[in-house]
Amino acid sequence: MAVRSANHPGSPIYDQLVEEHGDVLVEVRELADRTRRQADRLLHWDTGSRSRGHFEEA
């Protein structure tokens, strides 16, 4: 699996590590982005309902 990293083009050591283990940094960034989007959806799930007056204020 020959994968070139966009972050370190031409770095033979990094390229070898990516080839052996996958591009862990890219995978972590993608997972962090998915987690952030999911948390954002979960934390703001009822924003639309409140703006339409479906919830009464205490």
PDB file of N, CA and C in Angstrom:
ATOM      1  N   MET A   1       0.851  -1.166   0.000  1.00  0.00           N
ATOM      2  CA  MET A   1       0.000   0.000   0.000  1.00  0.00           C
ATOM      3  C   MET A   1       0.900   1.234   0.000  1.00  0.00           C
ATOM      4  N   ALA A   2       1.102   1.840  -1.122  1.00  0.00           N
ATOM      5  CA  ALA A   2       1.953   3.020  -1.237  1.00  0.00           C
ATOM      6  C   ALA A   2       1.088   4.270  -1.166  1.00  0.00           C
ATOM      7  N   VAL A   3       1.144   4.959  -0.045  1.00  0.00           N
ATOM      8  CA  VAL A   3       0.331   6.151   0.170  1.00  0.00           C
ATOM      9  C   VAL A   3       1.264   7.320   0.437  1.00  0.00           C
ATOM     10  N   ARG A   4       1.093   8.401  -0.295  1.00  0.00           N
ATOM     11  CA  ARG A   4       1.874   9.615  -0.055  1.00  0.00           C
ATOM     12  C   ARG A   4       1.081  10.509   0.882  1.00  0.00           C
ATOM     13  N   SER A   5       1.743  11.047   1.848  1.00  0.00           N
ATOM     14  CA  SER A   5       1.073  11.948   2.773  1.00  0.00           C
ATOM     15  C   SER A   5       1.063  13.361   2.215  1.00  0.00           C
ATOM     16  N   ALA A   6      -0.067  14.013   2.306  1.00  0.00           N
ATOM     17  CA  ALA A   6      -0.172  15.402   1.858  1.00  0.00           C
ATOM     18  C   ALA A   6       0.593  16.325   2.803  1.00  0.00           C
ATOM     19  N   ASN A   7       0.775  15.907   4.051  1.00  0.00           N
ATOM     20  CA  ASN A   7       1.442  16.744   5.045  1.00  0.00           C
ATOM     21  C   ASN A   7       2.960  16.697   4.942  1.00  0.00           C
ATOM     22  N   HIS A   8       3.498  15.609   4.456  1.00  0.00           N
ATOM     23  CA  HIS A   8       4.938  15.430   4.398  1.00  0.00           C
ATOM     24  C   HIS A   8       5.357  14.838   3.059  1.00  0.00           C
ATOM     25  N   PRO A   9       5.097  15.540   1.955  1.00  0.00           N
ATOM     26  CA  PRO A   9       5.465  14.979   0.660  1.00  0.00           C
ATOM     27  C   PRO A   9       6.979  14.850   0.542  1.00  0.00           C
ATOM     28  N   GLY A  10       7.425  13.715   0.075  1.00  0.00           N
ATOM     29  CA  GLY A  10       8.843  13.515  -0.154  1.00  0.00           C
ATOM     30  C   GLY A  10       9.633  13.122   1.079  1.00  0.00           C
ATOM     31  N   SER A  11       8.991  12.868   2.198  1.00  0.00           N
ATOM     32  CA  SER A  11       9.691  12.440   3.404  1.00  0.00           C
ATOM     33  C   SER A  11       9.740  10.916   3.419  1.00  0.00           C
ATOM     34  N   PRO A  12      10.893  10.338   3.106  1.00  0.00           N
ATOM     35  CA  PRO A  12      10.975   8.879   2.990  1.00  0.00           C
ATOM     36  C   PRO A  12      10.625   8.137   4.286  1.00  0.00           C
ATOM     37  N   ILE A  13      11.027   8.675   5.408  1.00  0.00           N
ATOM     38  CA  ILE A  13      10.743   7.999   6.682  1.00  0.00           C
ATOM     39  C   ILE A  13       9.245   8.005   6.954  1.00  0.00           C
ATOM     40  N   TYR A  14       8.616   9.171   6.788  1.00  0.00           N
ATOM     41  CA  TYR A  14       7.172   9.266   7.019  1.00  0.00           C
ATOM     42  C   TYR A  14       6.420   8.393   6.026  1.00  0.00           C
ATOM     43  N   ASP A  15       6.833   8.434   4.754  1.00  0.00           N
ATOM     44  CA  ASP A  15       6.188   7.613   3.727  1.00  0.00           C
ATOM     45  C   ASP A  15       6.286   6.133   4.063  1.00  0.00           C
ATOM     46  N   GLN A  16       7.425   5.712   4.588  1.00  0.00           N
ATOM     47  CA  GLN A  16       7.596   4.304   4.960  1.00  0.00           C
ATOM     48  C   GLN A  16       6.661   3.939   6.119  1.00  0.00           C
ATOM     49  N   LEU A  17       6.560   4.819   7.100  1.00  0.00           N
ATOM     50  CA  LEU A  17       5.654   4.561   8.228  1.00  0.00           C
ATOM     51  C   LEU A  17       4.208   4.489   7.764  1.00  0.00           C
ATOM     52  N   VAL A  18       3.811   5.392   6.862  1.00  0.00           N
ATOM     53  CA  VAL A  18       2.455   5.381   6.332  1.00  0.00           C
ATOM     54  C   VAL A  18       2.217   4.089   5.570  1.00  0.00           C
ATOM     55  N   GLU A  19       3.208   3.671   4.816  1.00  0.00           N
ATOM     56  CA  GLU A  19       3.076   2.438   4.050  1.00  0.00           C
ATOM     57  C   GLU A  19       2.910   1.233   4.969  1.00  0.00           C
ATOM     58  N   GLU A  20       3.619   1.218   6.084  1.00  0.00           N
ATOM     59  CA  GLU A  20       3.564   0.082   7.009  1.00  0.00           C
ATOM     60  C   GLU A  20       2.332   0.109   7.918  1.00  0.00           C
ATOM     61  N   HIS A  21       1.926   1.313   8.358  1.00  0.00           N
ATOM     62  CA  HIS A  21       0.892   1.402   9.396  1.00  0.00           C
ATOM     63  C   HIS A  21      -0.351   2.185   8.993  1.00  0.00           C
ATOM     64  N   GLY A  22      -0.352   2.758   7.825  1.00  0.00           N
ATOM     65  CA  GLY A  22      -1.448   3.627   7.425  1.00  0.00           C
ATOM     66  C   GLY A  22      -1.188   5.038   7.907  1.00  0.00           C
ATOM     67  N   ASP A  23      -1.925   5.991   7.386  1.00  0.00           N
ATOM     68  CA  ASP A  23      -1.721   7.389   7.765  1.00  0.00           C
ATOM     69  C   ASP A  23      -2.571   7.695   8.992  1.00  0.00           C
ATOM     70  N   VAL A  24      -2.006   7.432  10.140  1.00  0.00           N
ATOM     71  CA  VAL A  24      -2.716   7.561  11.413  1.00  0.00           C
ATOM     72  C   VAL A  24      -3.157   9.001  11.649  1.00  0.00           C
ATOM     73  N   LEU A  25      -2.334   9.964  11.273  1.00  0.00           N
ATOM     74  CA  LEU A  25      -2.699  11.365  11.495  1.00  0.00           C
ATOM     75  C   LEU A  25      -3.955  11.740  10.717  1.00  0.00           C
ATOM     76  N   VAL A  26      -4.049  11.303   9.481  1.00  0.00           N
ATOM     77  CA  VAL A  26      -5.247  11.586   8.687  1.00  0.00           C
ATOM     78  C   VAL A  26      -6.457  10.890   9.297  1.00  0.00           C
ATOM     79  N   GLU A  27      -6.293   9.647   9.724  1.00  0.00           N
ATOM     80  CA  GLU A  27      -7.403   8.911  10.326  1.00  0.00           C
ATOM     81  C   GLU A  27      -7.889   9.591  11.596  1.00  0.00           C
ATOM     82  N   VAL A  28      -6.959  10.070  12.414  1.00  0.00           N
ATOM     83  CA  VAL A  28      -7.329  10.740  13.666  1.00  0.00           C
ATOM     84  C   VAL A  28      -8.053  12.048  13.377  1.00  0.00           C
ATOM     85  N   ARG A  29      -7.559  12.810  12.396  1.00  0.00           N
ATOM     86  CA  ARG A  29      -8.232  14.061  12.038  1.00  0.00           C
ATOM     87  C   ARG A  29      -9.651  13.802  11.549  1.00  0.00           C
ATOM     88  N   GLU A  30      -9.821  12.784  10.712  1.00  0.00           N
ATOM     89  CA  GLU A  30     -11.155  12.462  10.201  1.00  0.00           C
ATOM     90  C   GLU A  30     -12.084  12.036  11.329  1.00  0.00           C
ATOM     91  N   LEU A  31     -11.584  11.204  12.242  1.00  0.00           N
ATOM     92  CA  LEU A  31     -12.394  10.769  13.381  1.00  0.00           C
ATOM     93  C   LEU A  31     -12.759  11.951  14.275  1.00  0.00           C
ATOM     94  N   ALA A  32     -11.814  12.844  14.516  1.00  0.00           N
ATOM     95  CA  ALA A  32     -12.092  14.024  15.341  1.00  0.00           C
ATOM     96  C   ALA A  32     -13.152  14.902  14.685  1.00  0.00           C
ATOM     97  N   ASP A  33     -13.067  15.051  13.369  1.00  0.00           N
ATOM     98  CA  ASP A  33     -14.060  15.863  12.662  1.00  0.00           C
ATOM     99  C   ASP A  33     -15.441  15.224  12.730  1.00  0.00           C
ATOM    100  N   ARG A  34     -15.520  13.904  12.521  1.00  0.00           N
ATOM    101  CA  ARG A  34     -16.817  13.217  12.630  1.00  0.00           C
ATOM    102  C   ARG A  34     -17.374  13.333  14.035  1.00  0.00           C
ATOM    103  N   THR A  35     -16.512  13.181  15.040  1.00  0.00           N
ATOM    104  CA  THR A  35     -16.950  13.271  16.434  1.00  0.00           C
ATOM    105  C   THR A  35     -17.457  14.673  16.749  1.00  0.00           C
ATOM    106  N   ARG A  36     -16.747  15.702  16.257  1.00  0.00           N
ATOM    107  CA  ARG A  36     -17.172  17.079  16.480  1.00  0.00           C
ATOM    108  C   ARG A  36     -18.531  17.340  15.842  1.00  0.00           C
ATOM    109  N   ARG A  37     -18.729  16.864  14.605  1.00  0.00           N
ATOM    110  CA  ARG A  37     -20.019  17.070  13.937  1.00  0.00           C
ATOM    111  C   ARG A  37     -21.134  16.341  14.676  1.00  0.00           C
ATOM    112  N   GLN A  38     -20.859  15.115  15.133  1.00  0.00           N
ATOM    113  CA  GLN A  38     -21.873  14.359  15.856  1.00  0.00           C
ATOM    114  C   GLN A  38     -22.213  15.049  17.176  1.00  0.00           C
ATOM    115  N   ALA A  39     -21.208  15.512  17.898  1.00  0.00           N
ATOM    116  CA  ALA A  39     -21.459  16.206  19.161  1.00  0.00           C
ATOM    117  C   ALA A  39     -22.247  17.482  18.916  1.00  0.00           C
ATOM    118  N   ASP A  40     -21.917  18.197  17.848  1.00  0.00           N
ATOM    119  CA  ASP A  40     -22.650  19.416  17.524  1.00  0.00           C
ATOM    120  C   ASP A  40     -24.116  19.111  17.266  1.00  0.00           C
ATOM    121  N   ARG A  41     -24.387  18.040  16.503  1.00  0.00           N
ATOM    122  CA  ARG A  41     -25.784  17.663  16.238  1.00  0.00           C
ATOM    123  C   ARG A  41     -26.491  17.276  17.523  1.00  0.00           C
ATOM    124  N   LEU A  42     -25.839  16.518  18.383  1.00  0.00           N
ATOM    125  CA  LEU A  42     -26.477  16.058  19.612  1.00  0.00           C
ATOM    126  C   LEU A  42     -26.707  17.193  20.600  1.00  0.00           C
ATOM    127  N   LEU A  43     -25.780  18.121  20.653  1.00  0.00           N
ATOM    128  CA  LEU A  43     -25.920  19.234  21.597  1.00  0.00           C
ATOM    129  C   LEU A  43     -26.930  20.263  21.127  1.00  0.00           C
ATOM    130  N   HIS A  44     -27.216  20.292  19.825  1.00  0.00           N
ATOM    131  CA  HIS A  44     -28.124  21.295  19.290  1.00  0.00           C
ATOM    132  C   HIS A  44     -29.351  20.654  18.636  1.00  0.00           C
ATOM    133  N   TRP A  45     -29.706  19.473  19.061  1.00  0.00           N
ATOM    134  CA  TRP A  45     -30.794  18.733  18.423  1.00  0.00           C
ATOM    135  C   TRP A  45     -32.135  19.430  18.543  1.00  0.00           C
ATOM    136  N   ASP A  46     -32.337  20.198  19.595  1.00  0.00           N
ATOM    137  CA  ASP A  46     -33.656  20.791  19.809  1.00  0.00           C
ATOM    138  C   ASP A  46     -33.697  22.284  19.512  1.00  0.00           C
ATOM    139  N   THR A  47     -32.689  22.835  18.909  1.00  0.00           N
ATOM    140  CA  THR A  47     -32.650  24.266  18.631  1.00  0.00           C
ATOM    141  C   THR A  47     -33.841  24.695  17.780  1.00  0.00           C
ATOM    142  N   GLY A  48     -34.138  23.927  16.743  1.00  0.00           N
ATOM    143  CA  GLY A  48     -35.261  24.268  15.877  1.00  0.00           C
ATOM    144  C   GLY A  48     -36.585  24.211  16.605  1.00  0.00           C
ATOM    145  N   SER A  49     -36.770  23.241  17.469  1.00  0.00           N
ATOM    146  CA  SER A  49     -38.021  23.107  18.203  1.00  0.00           C
ATOM    147  C   SER A  49     -38.230  24.277  19.157  1.00  0.00           C
ATOM    148  N   ARG A  50     -37.182  24.706  19.815  1.00  0.00           N
ATOM    149  CA  ARG A  50     -37.314  25.821  20.750  1.00  0.00           C
ATOM    150  C   ARG A  50     -37.674  27.096  20.014  1.00  0.00           C
ATOM    151  N   SER A  51     -37.081  27.290  18.839  1.00  0.00           N
ATOM    152  CA  SER A  51     -37.371  28.529  18.115  1.00  0.00           C
ATOM    153  C   SER A  51     -38.801  28.548  17.603  1.00  0.00           C
ATOM    154  N   ARG A  52     -39.424  27.385  17.468  1.00  0.00           N
ATOM    155  CA  ARG A  52     -40.811  27.319  17.016  1.00  0.00           C
ATOM    156  C   ARG A  52     -41.788  27.355  18.182  1.00  0.00           C
ATOM    157  N   GLY A  53     -41.281  27.459  19.410  1.00  0.00           N
ATOM    158  CA  GLY A  53     -42.144  27.582  20.580  1.00  0.00           C
ATOM    159  C   GLY A  53     -42.689  26.262  21.097  1.00  0.00           C
ATOM    160  N   HIS A  54     -42.047  25.165  20.781  1.00  0.00           N
ATOM    161  CA  HIS A  54     -42.517  23.859  21.261  1.00  0.00           C
ATOM    162  C   HIS A  54     -42.137  23.601  22.701  1.00  0.00           C
ATOM    163  N   PHE A  55     -41.193  24.364  23.247  1.00  0.00           N
ATOM    164  CA  PHE A  55     -40.787  24.176  24.627  1.00  0.00           C
ATOM    165  C   PHE A  55     -41.177  25.415  25.416  1.00  0.00           C
ATOM    166  N   GLU A  56     -41.708  25.172  26.593  1.00  0.00           N
ATOM    167  CA  GLU A  56     -42.050  26.288  27.449  1.00  0.00           C
ATOM    168  C   GLU A  56     -40.861  26.591  28.334  1.00  0.00           C
ATOM    169  N   GLU A  57     -40.649  27.851  28.626  1.00  0.00           N
ATOM    170  CA  GLU A  57     -39.562  28.235  29.497  1.00  0.00           C
ATOM    171  C   GLU A  57     -40.005  28.044  30.938  1.00  0.00           C
ATOM    172  N   ALA A  58     -39.070  27.613  31.775  1.00  0.00           N
ATOM    173  CA  ALA A  58     -39.375  27.338  33.184  1.00  0.00           C
ATOM    174  C   ALA A  58     -39.479  28.586  33.998  1.00  0.00           C
TER     175      ALA A  58
END
